[in-house]
Amino acid sequence: MSTATMTSKGQITIPAAVRAALGVAAGDRVEFVEVEAGRFELVAATLSVTALKGLARRPAKGVSIEAMNRAIAAHGAKAR
């Protein structure tokens, strides 16, 4: 297990083994994702938006703009 110490400015140095495993280098961004209360995961944010292609499937049936507007109006009326 790798550990790091926080400075008085709230900074830490990610250990070399962790940087290598994440594939991050100087200037790369990382995200801290809360997976449960008080527990976070460190995720490399180095992928481009194009890497998300194919992540979500296409809907089986398309929806028209008119149908969307009707659904929005109906839901908005319920909220009042």
C-alpha atoms as a PDB file:
ATOM      1  CA  MET A   1       0.000   0.000   0.000  1.00  0.00           C
ATOM      2  CA  SER A   2       1.293   3.462  -0.893  1.00  0.00           C
ATOM      3  CA  THR A   3       0.908   6.420   1.446  1.00  0.00           C
ATOM      4  CA  ALA A   4       1.436  10.171   1.214  1.00  0.00           C
ATOM      5  CA  THR A   5       1.666  13.014   3.708  1.00  0.00           C
ATOM      6  CA  MET A   6      -0.328  16.216   3.349  1.00  0.00           C
ATOM      7  CA  THR A   7       1.526  19.535   3.604  1.00  0.00           C
ATOM      8  CA  SER A   8       0.249  22.523   5.578  1.00  0.00           C
ATOM      9  CA  LYS A   9      -1.083  23.887   2.257  1.00  0.00           C
ATOM     10  CA  GLY A  10      -3.223  20.762   1.713  1.00  0.00           C
ATOM     11  CA  GLN A  11      -0.969  19.331  -1.000  1.00  0.00           C
ATOM     12  CA  ILE A  12       0.167  15.729  -1.395  1.00  0.00           C
ATOM     13  CA  THR A  13       2.615  14.011  -3.699  1.00  0.00           C
ATOM     14  CA  ILE A  14       1.114  10.962  -5.359  1.00  0.00           C
ATOM     15  CA  PRO A  15       3.617   8.102  -4.971  1.00  0.00           C
ATOM     16  CA  ALA A  16       5.448   7.075  -8.164  1.00  0.00           C
ATOM     17  CA  ALA A  17       3.924   3.588  -8.183  1.00  0.00           C
ATOM     18  CA  VAL A  18       0.399   5.049  -8.049  1.00  0.00           C
ATOM     19  CA  ARG A  19       1.178   7.601 -10.796  1.00  0.00           C
ATOM     20  CA  ALA A  20       2.502   4.804 -12.994  1.00  0.00           C
ATOM     21  CA  ALA A  21      -0.540   2.604 -12.374  1.00  0.00           C
ATOM     22  CA  LEU A  22      -2.890   5.498 -13.230  1.00  0.00           C
ATOM     23  CA  GLY A  23      -0.815   6.518 -16.233  1.00  0.00           C
ATOM     24  CA  VAL A  24      -0.597  10.149 -15.130  1.00  0.00           C
ATOM     25  CA  ALA A  25       2.288  12.560 -15.466  1.00  0.00           C
ATOM     26  CA  ALA A  26       3.057  16.184 -14.627  1.00  0.00           C
ATOM     27  CA  GLY A  27       0.227  18.449 -15.764  1.00  0.00           C
ATOM     28  CA  ASP A  28      -2.412  15.681 -15.966  1.00  0.00           C
ATOM     29  CA  ARG A  29      -5.646  16.064 -14.048  1.00  0.00           C
ATOM     30  CA  VAL A  30      -7.082  13.647 -11.506  1.00  0.00           C
ATOM     31  CA  GLU A  31     -10.555  13.542  -9.972  1.00  0.00           C
ATOM     32  CA  PHE A  32     -11.567  12.571  -6.463  1.00  0.00           C
ATOM     33  CA  VAL A  33     -14.856  10.659  -6.625  1.00  0.00           C
ATOM     34  CA  GLU A  34     -16.785  10.019  -3.398  1.00  0.00           C
ATOM     35  CA  VAL A  35     -17.899   6.389  -3.513  1.00  0.00           C
ATOM     36  CA  GLU A  36     -19.443   6.420  -0.031  1.00  0.00           C
ATOM     37  CA  ALA A  37     -19.398   8.770   2.939  1.00  0.00           C
ATOM     38  CA  GLY A  38     -15.767   9.470   3.833  1.00  0.00           C
ATOM     39  CA  ARG A  39     -14.350   7.218   1.085  1.00  0.00           C
ATOM     40  CA  PHE A  40     -12.951   8.557  -2.176  1.00  0.00           C
ATOM     41  CA  GLU A  41     -11.390   7.068  -5.287  1.00  0.00           C
ATOM     42  CA  LEU A  42      -8.675   8.809  -7.279  1.00  0.00           C
ATOM     43  CA  VAL A  43      -9.436   8.672 -11.011  1.00  0.00           C
ATOM     44  CA  ALA A  44      -7.192   9.837 -13.846  1.00  0.00           C
ATOM     45  CA  ALA A  45      -9.033  12.492 -15.861  1.00  0.00           C
ATOM     46  CA  THR A  46      -6.733  12.215 -18.862  1.00  0.00           C
ATOM     47  CA  LEU A  47      -9.138  10.741 -21.415  1.00  0.00           C
ATOM     48  CA  SER A  48     -10.689  12.920 -24.086  1.00  0.00           C
ATOM     49  CA  VAL A  49     -14.412  13.219 -24.620  1.00  0.00           C
ATOM     50  CA  THR A  50     -14.141  10.906 -27.627  1.00  0.00           C
ATOM     51  CA  ALA A  51     -13.221   8.081 -25.250  1.00  0.00           C
ATOM     52  CA  LEU A  52     -16.834   8.178 -24.016  1.00  0.00           C
ATOM     53  CA  LYS A  53     -18.159   7.132 -27.441  1.00  0.00           C
ATOM     54  CA  GLY A  54     -20.263   4.002 -27.138  1.00  0.00           C
ATOM     55  CA  LEU A  55     -20.672   4.295 -23.364  1.00  0.00           C
ATOM     56  CA  ALA A  56     -24.400   4.990 -23.601  1.00  0.00           C
ATOM     57  CA  ARG A  57     -26.599   3.025 -25.960  1.00  0.00           C
ATOM     58  CA  ARG A  58     -28.967   4.633 -28.422  1.00  0.00           C
ATOM     59  CA  PRO A  59     -32.651   4.609 -27.486  1.00  0.00           C
ATOM     60  CA  ALA A  60     -34.709   1.898 -29.177  1.00  0.00           C
ATOM     61  CA  LYS A  61     -37.240   4.461 -30.365  1.00  0.00           C
ATOM     62  CA  GLY A  62     -36.674   8.125 -31.219  1.00  0.00           C
ATOM     63  CA  VAL A  63     -38.693  10.903 -29.612  1.00  0.00           C
ATOM     64  CA  SER A  64     -39.957  13.960 -31.477  1.00  0.00           C
ATOM     65  CA  ILE A  65     -39.457  17.516 -30.255  1.00  0.00           C
ATOM     66  CA  GLU A  66     -43.223  17.861 -29.909  1.00  0.00           C
ATOM     67  CA  ALA A  67     -43.398  14.786 -27.669  1.00  0.00           C
ATOM     68  CA  MET A  68     -40.552  16.156 -25.531  1.00  0.00           C
ATOM     69  CA  ASN A  69     -42.322  19.506 -25.177  1.00  0.00           C
ATOM     70  CA  ARG A  70     -45.581  17.769 -24.163  1.00  0.00           C
ATOM     71  CA  ALA A  71     -43.743  15.701 -21.532  1.00  0.00           C
ATOM     72  CA  ILE A  72     -41.991  18.793 -20.156  1.00  0.00           C
ATOM     73  CA  ALA A  73     -45.262  20.737 -19.990  1.00  0.00           C
ATOM     74  CA  ALA A  74     -47.083  17.844 -18.308  1.00  0.00           C
ATOM     75  CA  HIS A  75     -44.336  17.326 -15.734  1.00  0.00           C
ATOM     76  CA  GLY A  76     -44.112  21.074 -15.075  1.00  0.00           C
ATOM     77  CA  ALA A  77     -47.862  21.246 -14.469  1.00  0.00           C
ATOM     78  CA  LYS A  78     -47.595  18.437 -11.885  1.00  0.00           C
ATOM     79  CA  ALA A  79     -44.846  20.258  -9.990  1.00  0.00           C
ATOM     80  CA  ARG A  80     -47.113  23.236  -9.233  1.00  0.00           C
END
